[in-house]
Amino acid sequence: MDRFEELFGEYFPICQRYFLHRGCSDERAKDLAQDALLRVYNGIGGFRGEASFDTWFFRLLGNLWKNELRHVLESAQGQAEKTPWRFHRQDGRMRRTWA
């Protein structure tokens, strides 16, 4: 068994639970877990040992989660910008409604 398989076997369930507990679907949690483990494997040379491996590992998961949230938010905002809006006065104030 090579090092990646060992890493995957030990840490995949941890990664998947991390993302599931933050509200991801099972499929998305698996995708993010795989992405995280590839980043760990490819970035292990950048681990300086100033903190524990677990601290570094969970920081990586946290950053990946923040990127995921940012991507979801940007996608939602992009959809909102494509939505036609109509403005009208009601009770003396401008209200935005679906066209």
PDB file of N, CA and C in Angstrom:
ATOM      1  N   MET A   1       0.860  -1.186   0.000  1.00  0.00           N
ATOM      2  CA  MET A   1       0.000   0.000   0.000  1.00  0.00           C
ATOM      3  C   MET A   1       0.901   1.244   0.000  1.00  0.00           C
ATOM      4  N   ASP A   2       0.613   2.175  -0.901  1.00  0.00           N
ATOM      5  CA  ASP A   2       1.438   3.380  -0.945  1.00  0.00           C
ATOM      6  C   ASP A   2       0.945   4.415   0.076  1.00  0.00           C
ATOM      7  N   ARG A   3       1.698   5.476   0.207  1.00  0.00           N
ATOM      8  CA  ARG A   3       1.399   6.491   1.235  1.00  0.00           C
ATOM      9  C   ARG A   3       0.046   7.160   1.030  1.00  0.00           C
ATOM     10  N   PHE A   4      -0.325   7.413  -0.239  1.00  0.00           N
ATOM     11  CA  PHE A   4      -1.611   8.056  -0.482  1.00  0.00           C
ATOM     12  C   PHE A   4      -2.753   7.153  -0.038  1.00  0.00           C
ATOM     13  N   GLU A   5      -2.645   5.858  -0.320  1.00  0.00           N
ATOM     14  CA  GLU A   5      -3.689   4.926   0.110  1.00  0.00           C
ATOM     15  C   GLU A   5      -3.800   4.892   1.632  1.00  0.00           C
ATOM     16  N   GLU A   6      -2.661   4.937   2.319  1.00  0.00           N
ATOM     17  CA  GLU A   6      -2.672   4.976   3.785  1.00  0.00           C
ATOM     18  C   GLU A   6      -3.350   6.251   4.281  1.00  0.00           C
ATOM     19  N   LEU A   7      -2.959   7.378   3.703  1.00  0.00           N
ATOM     20  CA  LEU A   7      -3.552   8.666   4.068  1.00  0.00           C
ATOM     21  C   LEU A   7      -5.052   8.641   3.810  1.00  0.00           C
ATOM     22  N   PHE A   8      -5.428   8.153   2.639  1.00  0.00           N
ATOM     23  CA  PHE A   8      -6.837   8.100   2.256  1.00  0.00           C
ATOM     24  C   PHE A   8      -7.621   7.214   3.222  1.00  0.00           C
ATOM     25  N   GLY A   9      -7.098   6.039   3.502  1.00  0.00           N
ATOM     26  CA  GLY A   9      -7.788   5.104   4.390  1.00  0.00           C
ATOM     27  C   GLY A   9      -8.000   5.651   5.787  1.00  0.00           C
ATOM     28  N   GLU A  10      -7.021   6.365   6.291  1.00  0.00           N
ATOM     29  CA  GLU A  10      -7.114   6.890   7.655  1.00  0.00           C
ATOM     30  C   GLU A  10      -7.910   8.186   7.736  1.00  0.00           C
ATOM     31  N   TYR A  11      -7.737   9.073   6.776  1.00  0.00           N
ATOM     32  CA  TYR A  11      -8.298  10.420   6.911  1.00  0.00           C
ATOM     33  C   TYR A  11      -9.555  10.702   6.093  1.00  0.00           C
ATOM     34  N   PHE A  12      -9.886   9.844   5.126  1.00  0.00           N
ATOM     35  CA  PHE A  12     -11.087  10.103   4.337  1.00  0.00           C
ATOM     36  C   PHE A  12     -12.341  10.179   5.208  1.00  0.00           C
ATOM     37  N   PRO A  13     -12.568   9.217   6.112  1.00  0.00           N
ATOM     38  CA  PRO A  13     -13.779   9.314   6.949  1.00  0.00           C
ATOM     39  C   PRO A  13     -13.811  10.581   7.802  1.00  0.00           C
ATOM     40  N   ILE A  14     -12.660  11.020   8.268  1.00  0.00           N
ATOM     41  CA  ILE A  14     -12.583  12.242   9.076  1.00  0.00           C
ATOM     42  C   ILE A  14     -12.974  13.447   8.224  1.00  0.00           C
ATOM     43  N   CYS A  15     -12.413  13.509   7.016  1.00  0.00           N
ATOM     44  CA  CYS A  15     -12.733  14.615   6.106  1.00  0.00           C
ATOM     45  C   CYS A  15     -14.214  14.617   5.752  1.00  0.00           C
ATOM     46  N   GLN A  16     -14.730  13.458   5.415  1.00  0.00           N
ATOM     47  CA  GLN A  16     -16.132  13.371   5.012  1.00  0.00           C
ATOM     48  C   GLN A  16     -17.047  13.828   6.146  1.00  0.00           C
ATOM     49  N   ARG A  17     -16.785  13.369   7.369  1.00  0.00           N
ATOM     50  CA  ARG A  17     -17.598  13.800   8.522  1.00  0.00           C
ATOM     51  C   ARG A  17     -17.499  15.303   8.742  1.00  0.00           C
ATOM     52  N   TYR A  18     -16.306  15.850   8.570  1.00  0.00           N
ATOM     53  CA  TYR A  18     -16.103  17.289   8.744  1.00  0.00           C
ATOM     54  C   TYR A  18     -17.065  18.068   7.855  1.00  0.00           C
ATOM     55  N   PHE A  19     -17.141  17.683   6.580  1.00  0.00           N
ATOM     56  CA  PHE A  19     -17.999  18.401   5.639  1.00  0.00           C
ATOM     57  C   PHE A  19     -19.477  18.061   5.823  1.00  0.00           C
ATOM     58  N   LEU A  20     -19.780  16.834   6.190  1.00  0.00           N
ATOM     59  CA  LEU A  20     -21.175  16.470   6.463  1.00  0.00           C
ATOM     60  C   LEU A  20     -21.723  17.269   7.638  1.00  0.00           C
ATOM     61  N   HIS A  21     -20.914  17.441   8.665  1.00  0.00           N
ATOM     62  CA  HIS A  21     -21.345  18.193   9.852  1.00  0.00           C
ATOM     63  C   HIS A  21     -21.532  19.671   9.553  1.00  0.00           C
ATOM     64  N   ARG A  22     -21.043  20.128   8.424  1.00  0.00           N
ATOM     65  CA  ARG A  22     -21.224  21.524   8.027  1.00  0.00           C
ATOM     66  C   ARG A  22     -22.344  21.689   7.006  1.00  0.00           C
ATOM     67  N   GLY A  23     -23.080  20.603   6.771  1.00  0.00           N
ATOM     68  CA  GLY A  23     -24.280  20.696   5.951  1.00  0.00           C
ATOM     69  C   GLY A  23     -24.158  20.249   4.510  1.00  0.00           C
ATOM     70  N   CYS A  24     -23.028  19.690   4.131  1.00  0.00           N
ATOM     71  CA  CYS A  24     -22.867  19.212   2.756  1.00  0.00           C
ATOM     72  C   CYS A  24     -23.691  17.953   2.528  1.00  0.00           C
ATOM     73  N   SER A  25     -24.091  17.766   1.290  1.00  0.00           N
ATOM     74  CA  SER A  25     -24.700  16.490   0.913  1.00  0.00           C
ATOM     75  C   SER A  25     -23.619  15.417   0.990  1.00  0.00           C
ATOM     76  N   ASP A  26     -24.036  14.172   1.028  1.00  0.00           N
ATOM     77  CA  ASP A  26     -23.078  13.075   1.101  1.00  0.00           C
ATOM     78  C   ASP A  26     -22.132  13.104  -0.097  1.00  0.00           C
ATOM     79  N   GLU A  27     -22.684  13.326  -1.271  1.00  0.00           N
ATOM     80  CA  GLU A  27     -21.874  13.355  -2.493  1.00  0.00           C
ATOM     81  C   GLU A  27     -20.872  14.515  -2.476  1.00  0.00           C
ATOM     82  N   ARG A  28     -21.325  15.698  -2.075  1.00  0.00           N
ATOM     83  CA  ARG A  28     -20.425  16.865  -2.031  1.00  0.00           C
ATOM     84  C   ARG A  28     -19.360  16.677  -0.958  1.00  0.00           C
ATOM     85  N   ALA A  29     -19.740  16.086   0.181  1.00  0.00           N
ATOM     86  CA  ALA A  29     -18.771  15.829   1.251  1.00  0.00           C
ATOM     87  C   ALA A  29     -17.675  14.888   0.761  1.00  0.00           C
ATOM     88  N   LYS A  30     -18.043  13.877  -0.013  1.00  0.00           N
ATOM     89  CA  LYS A  30     -17.045  12.958  -0.570  1.00  0.00           C
ATOM     90  C   LYS A  30     -16.117  13.690  -1.536  1.00  0.00           C
ATOM     91  N   ASP A  31     -16.682  14.523  -2.395  1.00  0.00           N
ATOM     92  CA  ASP A  31     -15.862  15.289  -3.343  1.00  0.00           C
ATOM     93  C   ASP A  31     -14.876  16.198  -2.615  1.00  0.00           C
ATOM     94  N   LEU A  32     -15.370  16.906  -1.605  1.00  0.00           N
ATOM     95  CA  LEU A  32     -14.498  17.810  -0.852  1.00  0.00           C
ATOM     96  C   LEU A  32     -13.444  17.036  -0.071  1.00  0.00           C
ATOM     97  N   ALA A  33     -13.819  15.873   0.462  1.00  0.00           N
ATOM     98  CA  ALA A  33     -12.857  15.044   1.195  1.00  0.00           C
ATOM     99  C   ALA A  33     -11.737  14.588   0.261  1.00  0.00           C
ATOM    100  N   GLN A  34     -12.088  14.165  -0.941  1.00  0.00           N
ATOM    101  CA  GLN A  34     -11.070  13.755  -1.909  1.00  0.00           C
ATOM    102  C   GLN A  34     -10.164  14.926  -2.277  1.00  0.00           C
ATOM    103  N   ASP A  35     -10.761  16.078  -2.493  1.00  0.00           N
ATOM    104  CA  ASP A  35      -9.981  17.277  -2.815  1.00  0.00           C
ATOM    105  C   ASP A  35      -9.035  17.611  -1.666  1.00  0.00           C
ATOM    106  N   ALA A  36      -9.544  17.534  -0.449  1.00  0.00           N
ATOM    107  CA  ALA A  36      -8.723  17.836   0.726  1.00  0.00           C
ATOM    108  C   ALA A  36      -7.536  16.887   0.824  1.00  0.00           C
ATOM    109  N   LEU A  37      -7.772  15.605   0.614  1.00  0.00           N
ATOM    110  CA  LEU A  37      -6.683  14.636   0.736  1.00  0.00           C
ATOM    111  C   LEU A  37      -5.647  14.798  -0.368  1.00  0.00           C
ATOM    112  N   LEU A  38      -6.080  15.176  -1.553  1.00  0.00           N
ATOM    113  CA  LEU A  38      -5.106  15.475  -2.611  1.00  0.00           C
ATOM    114  C   LEU A  38      -4.263  16.689  -2.234  1.00  0.00           C
ATOM    115  N   ARG A  39      -4.907  17.688  -1.645  1.00  0.00           N
ATOM    116  CA  ARG A  39      -4.163  18.879  -1.216  1.00  0.00           C
ATOM    117  C   ARG A  39      -3.175  18.539  -0.104  1.00  0.00           C
ATOM    118  N   VAL A  40      -3.596  17.689   0.819  1.00  0.00           N
ATOM    119  CA  VAL A  40      -2.691  17.264   1.895  1.00  0.00           C
ATOM    120  C   VAL A  40      -1.506  16.518   1.295  1.00  0.00           C
ATOM    121  N   TYR A  41      -1.790  15.568   0.439  1.00  0.00           N
ATOM    122  CA  TYR A  41      -0.736  14.747  -0.158  1.00  0.00           C
ATOM    123  C   TYR A  41       0.241  15.600  -0.965  1.00  0.00           C
ATOM    124  N   ASN A  42      -0.290  16.493  -1.780  1.00  0.00           N
ATOM    125  CA  ASN A  42       0.574  17.342  -2.612  1.00  0.00           C
ATOM    126  C   ASN A  42       1.248  18.452  -1.824  1.00  0.00           C
ATOM    127  N   GLY A  43       0.664  18.841  -0.693  1.00  0.00           N
ATOM    128  CA  GLY A  43       1.200  19.958   0.068  1.00  0.00           C
ATOM    129  C   GLY A  43       1.965  19.580   1.313  1.00  0.00           C
ATOM    130  N   ILE A  44       2.159  18.286   1.532  1.00  0.00           N
ATOM    131  CA  ILE A  44       2.811  17.849   2.767  1.00  0.00           C
ATOM    132  C   ILE A  44       4.228  18.415   2.883  1.00  0.00           C
ATOM    133  N   GLY A  45       4.843  18.715   1.755  1.00  0.00           N
ATOM    134  CA  GLY A  45       6.175  19.324   1.787  1.00  0.00           C
ATOM    135  C   GLY A  45       6.161  20.707   2.406  1.00  0.00           C
ATOM    136  N   GLY A  46       4.996  21.363   2.383  1.00  0.00           N
ATOM    137  CA  GLY A  46       4.857  22.688   2.982  1.00  0.00           C
ATOM    138  C   GLY A  46       4.573  22.646   4.472  1.00  0.00           C
ATOM    139  N   PHE A  47       4.385  21.439   5.004  1.00  0.00           N
ATOM    140  CA  PHE A  47       4.151  21.299   6.445  1.00  0.00           C
ATOM    141  C   PHE A  47       5.478  21.491   7.163  1.00  0.00           C
ATOM    142  N   ARG A  48       5.554  22.565   7.941  1.00  0.00           N
ATOM    143  CA  ARG A  48       6.812  22.940   8.590  1.00  0.00           C
ATOM    144  C   ARG A  48       6.992  22.333   9.971  1.00  0.00           C
ATOM    145  N   GLY A  49       5.956  21.741  10.514  1.00  0.00           N
ATOM    146  CA  GLY A  49       6.074  21.126  11.829  1.00  0.00           C
ATOM    147  C   GLY A  49       6.008  22.110  12.974  1.00  0.00           C
ATOM    148  N   GLU A  50       5.633  23.365  12.694  1.00  0.00           N
ATOM    149  CA  GLU A  50       5.515  24.365  13.763  1.00  0.00           C
ATOM    150  C   GLU A  50       4.294  24.104  14.634  1.00  0.00           C
ATOM    151  N   ALA A  51       3.334  23.400  14.084  1.00  0.00           N
ATOM    152  CA  ALA A  51       2.138  22.983  14.819  1.00  0.00           C
ATOM    153  C   ALA A  51       1.985  21.486  14.573  1.00  0.00           C
ATOM    154  N   SER A  52       1.040  20.873  15.251  1.00  0.00           N
ATOM    155  CA  SER A  52       0.825  19.445  15.030  1.00  0.00           C
ATOM    156  C   SER A  52       0.257  19.219  13.633  1.00  0.00           C
ATOM    157  N   PHE A  53       0.414  18.014  13.147  1.00  0.00           N
ATOM    158  CA  PHE A  53      -0.144  17.679  11.841  1.00  0.00           C
ATOM    159  C   PHE A  53      -1.651  17.888  11.843  1.00  0.00           C
ATOM    160  N   ASP A  54      -2.314  17.487  12.924  1.00  0.00           N
ATOM    161  CA  ASP A  54      -3.775  17.642  12.994  1.00  0.00           C
ATOM    162  C   ASP A  54      -4.192  19.102  12.895  1.00  0.00           C
ATOM    163  N   THR A  55      -3.448  19.990  13.527  1.00  0.00           N
ATOM    164  CA  THR A  55      -3.757  21.421  13.442  1.00  0.00           C
ATOM    165  C   THR A  55      -3.634  21.889  12.001  1.00  0.00           C
ATOM    166  N   TRP A  56      -2.557  21.519  11.340  1.00  0.00           N
ATOM    167  CA  TRP A  56      -2.346  21.875   9.932  1.00  0.00           C
ATOM    168  C   TRP A  56      -3.445  21.289   9.057  1.00  0.00           C
ATOM    169  N   PHE A  57      -3.765  20.029   9.305  1.00  0.00           N
ATOM    170  CA  PHE A  57      -4.769  19.311   8.531  1.00  0.00           C
ATOM    171  C   PHE A  57      -6.140  19.969   8.656  1.00  0.00           C
ATOM    172  N   PHE A  58      -6.550  20.283   9.887  1.00  0.00           N
ATOM    173  CA  PHE A  58      -7.867  20.889  10.072  1.00  0.00           C
ATOM    174  C   PHE A  58      -7.900  22.338   9.589  1.00  0.00           C
ATOM    175  N   ARG A  59      -6.778  23.009   9.588  1.00  0.00           N
ATOM    176  CA  ARG A  59      -6.720  24.339   8.986  1.00  0.00           C
ATOM    177  C   ARG A  59      -6.967  24.232   7.481  1.00  0.00           C
ATOM    178  N   LEU A  60      -6.360  23.234   6.866  1.00  0.00           N
ATOM    179  CA  LEU A  60      -6.576  23.005   5.442  1.00  0.00           C
ATOM    180  C   LEU A  60      -8.052  22.715   5.165  1.00  0.00           C
ATOM    181  N   LEU A  61      -8.676  21.869   5.992  1.00  0.00           N
ATOM    182  CA  LEU A  61     -10.101  21.578   5.821  1.00  0.00           C
ATOM    183  C   LEU A  61     -10.935  22.844   5.978  1.00  0.00           C
ATOM    184  N   GLY A  62     -10.598  23.650   6.971  1.00  0.00           N
ATOM    185  CA  GLY A  62     -11.328  24.899   7.196  1.00  0.00           C
ATOM    186  C   GLY A  62     -11.213  25.849   6.018  1.00  0.00           C
ATOM    187  N   ASN A  63     -10.022  25.956   5.463  1.00  0.00           N
ATOM    188  CA  ASN A  63      -9.830  26.831   4.301  1.00  0.00           C
ATOM    189  C   ASN A  63     -10.585  26.310   3.082  1.00  0.00           C
ATOM    190  N   LEU A  64     -10.579  25.007   2.905  1.00  0.00           N
ATOM    191  CA  LEU A  64     -11.327  24.420   1.796  1.00  0.00           C
ATOM    192  C   LEU A  64     -12.821  24.670   1.976  1.00  0.00           C
ATOM    193  N   TRP A  65     -13.300  24.574   3.216  1.00  0.00           N
ATOM    194  CA  TRP A  65     -14.717  24.835   3.503  1.00  0.00           C
ATOM    195  C   TRP A  65     -15.072  26.298   3.221  1.00  0.00           C
ATOM    196  N   LYS A  66     -14.200  27.213   3.612  1.00  0.00           N
ATOM    197  CA  LYS A  66     -14.443  28.634   3.329  1.00  0.00           C
ATOM    198  C   LYS A  66     -14.503  28.886   1.823  1.00  0.00           C
ATOM    199  N   ASN A  67     -13.611  28.245   1.084  1.00  0.00           N
ATOM    200  CA  ASN A  67     -13.634  28.386  -0.377  1.00  0.00           C
ATOM    201  C   ASN A  67     -14.935  27.848  -0.958  1.00  0.00           C
ATOM    202  N   GLU A  68     -15.407  26.742  -0.415  1.00  0.00           N
ATOM    203  CA  GLU A  68     -16.667  26.163  -0.878  1.00  0.00           C
ATOM    204  C   GLU A  68     -17.824  27.123  -0.620  1.00  0.00           C
ATOM    205  N   LEU A  69     -17.874  27.691   0.578  1.00  0.00           N
ATOM    206  CA  LEU A  69     -18.943  28.641   0.904  1.00  0.00           C
ATOM    207  C   LEU A  69     -18.885  29.861  -0.003  1.00  0.00           C
ATOM    208  N   ARG A  70     -17.680  30.351  -0.250  1.00  0.00           N
ATOM    209  CA  ARG A  70     -17.503  31.509  -1.131  1.00  0.00           C
ATOM    210  C   ARG A  70     -18.013  31.185  -2.535  1.00  0.00           C
ATOM    211  N   HIS A  71     -17.690  30.009  -3.018  1.00  0.00           N
ATOM    212  CA  HIS A  71     -18.130  29.594  -4.352  1.00  0.00           C
ATOM    213  C   HIS A  71     -19.653  29.490  -4.418  1.00  0.00           C
ATOM    214  N   VAL A  72     -20.260  28.898  -3.404  1.00  0.00           N
ATOM    215  CA  VAL A  72     -21.723  28.761  -3.370  1.00  0.00           C
ATOM    216  C   VAL A  72     -22.374  30.138  -3.330  1.00  0.00           C
ATOM    217  N   LEU A  73     -21.834  31.033  -2.510  1.00  0.00           N
ATOM    218  CA  LEU A  73     -22.390  32.381  -2.398  1.00  0.00           C
ATOM    219  C   LEU A  73     -22.264  33.138  -3.719  1.00  0.00           C
ATOM    220  N   GLU A  74     -21.101  33.057  -4.351  1.00  0.00           N
ATOM    221  CA  GLU A  74     -20.907  33.741  -5.630  1.00  0.00           C
ATOM    222  C   GLU A  74     -21.846  33.184  -6.697  1.00  0.00           C
ATOM    223  N   SER A  75     -22.058  31.880  -6.687  1.00  0.00           N
ATOM    224  CA  SER A  75     -22.992  31.275  -7.644  1.00  0.00           C
ATOM    225  C   SER A  75     -24.405  31.773  -7.407  1.00  0.00           C
ATOM    226  N   ALA A  76     -24.794  31.851  -6.139  1.00  0.00           N
ATOM    227  CA  ALA A  76     -26.141  32.320  -5.806  1.00  0.00           C
ATOM    228  C   ALA A  76     -26.307  33.786  -6.191  1.00  0.00           C
ATOM    229  N   GLN A  77     -25.283  34.589  -5.955  1.00  0.00           N
ATOM    230  CA  GLN A  77     -25.360  36.005  -6.316  1.00  0.00           C
ATOM    231  C   GLN A  77     -25.424  36.166  -7.828  1.00  0.00           C
ATOM    232  N   GLY A  78     -24.691  35.335  -8.541  1.00  0.00           N
ATOM    233  CA  GLY A  78     -24.732  35.383  -9.999  1.00  0.00           C
ATOM    234  C   GLY A  78     -26.113  35.049 -10.524  1.00  0.00           C
ATOM    235  N   GLN A  79     -26.767  34.091  -9.898  1.00  0.00           N
ATOM    236  CA  GLN A  79     -28.127  33.741 -10.294  1.00  0.00           C
ATOM    237  C   GLN A  79     -29.080  34.888  -9.989  1.00  0.00           C
ATOM    238  N   ALA A  80     -28.905  35.527  -8.842  1.00  0.00           N
ATOM    239  CA  ALA A  80     -29.786  36.636  -8.463  1.00  0.00           C
ATOM    240  C   ALA A  80     -29.643  37.796  -9.444  1.00  0.00           C
ATOM    241  N   GLU A  81     -28.421  38.022  -9.928  1.00  0.00           N
ATOM    242  CA  GLU A  81     -28.201  39.117 -10.876  1.00  0.00           C
ATOM    243  C   GLU A  81     -28.863  38.838 -12.219  1.00  0.00           C
ATOM    244  N   LYS A  82     -29.069  37.582 -12.553  1.00  0.00           N
ATOM    245  CA  LYS A  82     -29.712  37.226 -13.812  1.00  0.00           C
ATOM    246  C   LYS A  82     -31.235  37.252 -13.701  1.00  0.00           C
ATOM    247  N   THR A  83     -31.745  37.367 -12.485  1.00  0.00           N
ATOM    248  CA  THR A  83     -33.185  37.338 -12.258  1.00  0.00           C
ATOM    249  C   THR A  83     -33.791  38.692 -12.587  1.00  0.00           C
ATOM    250  N   PRO A  84     -34.847  38.717 -13.384  1.00  0.00           N
ATOM    251  CA  PRO A  84     -35.482  40.006 -13.702  1.00  0.00           C
ATOM    252  C   PRO A  84     -36.245  40.551 -12.496  1.00  0.00           C
ATOM    253  N   TRP A  85     -36.031  41.799 -12.206  1.00  0.00           N
ATOM    254  CA  TRP A  85     -36.707  42.457 -11.090  1.00  0.00           C
ATOM    255  C   TRP A  85     -37.580  43.586 -11.626  1.00  0.00           C
ATOM    256  N   ARG A  86     -38.621  43.874 -10.909  1.00  0.00           N
ATOM    257  CA  ARG A  86     -39.474  45.013 -11.235  1.00  0.00           C
ATOM    258  C   ARG A  86     -39.635  45.805  -9.941  1.00  0.00           C
ATOM    259  N   PHE A  87     -39.533  47.100 -10.052  1.00  0.00           N
ATOM    260  CA  PHE A  87     -39.676  47.965  -8.890  1.00  0.00           C
ATOM    261  C   PHE A  87     -41.015  48.684  -8.965  1.00  0.00           C
ATOM    262  N   HIS A  88     -41.678  48.812  -7.840  1.00  0.00           N
ATOM    263  CA  HIS A  88     -42.917  49.584  -7.791  1.00  0.00           C
ATOM    264  C   HIS A  88     -43.070  50.189  -6.397  1.00  0.00           C
ATOM    265  N   ARG A  89     -43.892  51.214  -6.328  1.00  0.00           N
ATOM    266  CA  ARG A  89     -44.132  51.881  -5.048  1.00  0.00           C
ATOM    267  C   ARG A  89     -45.299  51.211  -4.347  1.00  0.00           C
ATOM    268  N   GLN A  90     -45.090  51.020  -3.079  1.00  0.00           N
ATOM    269  CA  GLN A  90     -46.154  50.479  -2.243  1.00  0.00           C
ATOM    270  C   GLN A  90     -45.952  51.089  -0.866  1.00  0.00           C
ATOM    271  N   ASP A  91     -46.951  51.730  -0.357  1.00  0.00           N
ATOM    272  CA  ASP A  91     -46.856  52.410   0.938  1.00  0.00           C
ATOM    273  C   ASP A  91     -45.767  53.480   0.932  1.00  0.00           C
ATOM    274  N   GLY A  92     -45.557  54.125  -0.212  1.00  0.00           N
ATOM    275  CA  GLY A  92     -44.602  55.222  -0.279  1.00  0.00           C
ATOM    276  C   GLY A  92     -43.155  54.785  -0.343  1.00  0.00           C
ATOM    277  N   ARG A  93     -42.874  53.495  -0.438  1.00  0.00           N
ATOM    278  CA  ARG A  93     -41.496  53.006  -0.494  1.00  0.00           C
ATOM    279  C   ARG A  93     -41.291  52.176  -1.755  1.00  0.00           C
ATOM    280  N   MET A  94     -40.064  52.125  -2.187  1.00  0.00           N
ATOM    281  CA  MET A  94     -39.740  51.273  -3.330  1.00  0.00           C
ATOM    282  C   MET A  94     -39.661  49.832  -2.835  1.00  0.00           C
ATOM    283  N   ARG A  95     -40.270  48.948  -3.562  1.00  0.00           N
ATOM    284  CA  ARG A  95     -40.209  47.522  -3.241  1.00  0.00           C
ATOM    285  C   ARG A  95     -39.739  46.775  -4.484  1.00  0.00           C
ATOM    286  N   ARG A  96     -38.951  45.805  -4.263  1.00  0.00           N
ATOM    287  CA  ARG A  96     -38.447  44.996  -5.363  1.00  0.00           C
ATOM    288  C   ARG A  96     -39.276  43.710  -5.405  1.00  0.00           C
ATOM    289  N   THR A  97     -39.821  43.388  -6.564  1.00  0.00           N
ATOM    290  CA  THR A  97     -40.614  42.171  -6.721  1.00  0.00           C
ATOM    291  C   THR A  97     -40.180  41.444  -7.973  1.00  0.00           C
ATOM    292  N   TRP A  98     -40.545  40.201  -8.063  1.00  0.00           N
ATOM    293  CA  TRP A  98     -40.248  39.413  -9.261  1.00  0.00           C
ATOM    294  C   TRP A  98     -41.028  39.971 -10.431  1.00  0.00           C
ATOM    295  N   ALA A  99     -40.414  40.053 -11.564  1.00  0.00           N
ATOM    296  CA  ALA A  99     -41.091  40.548 -12.769  1.00  0.00           C
ATOM    297  C   ALA A  99     -41.943  39.447 -13.357  1.00  0.00           C
TER     298      ALA A  99
END
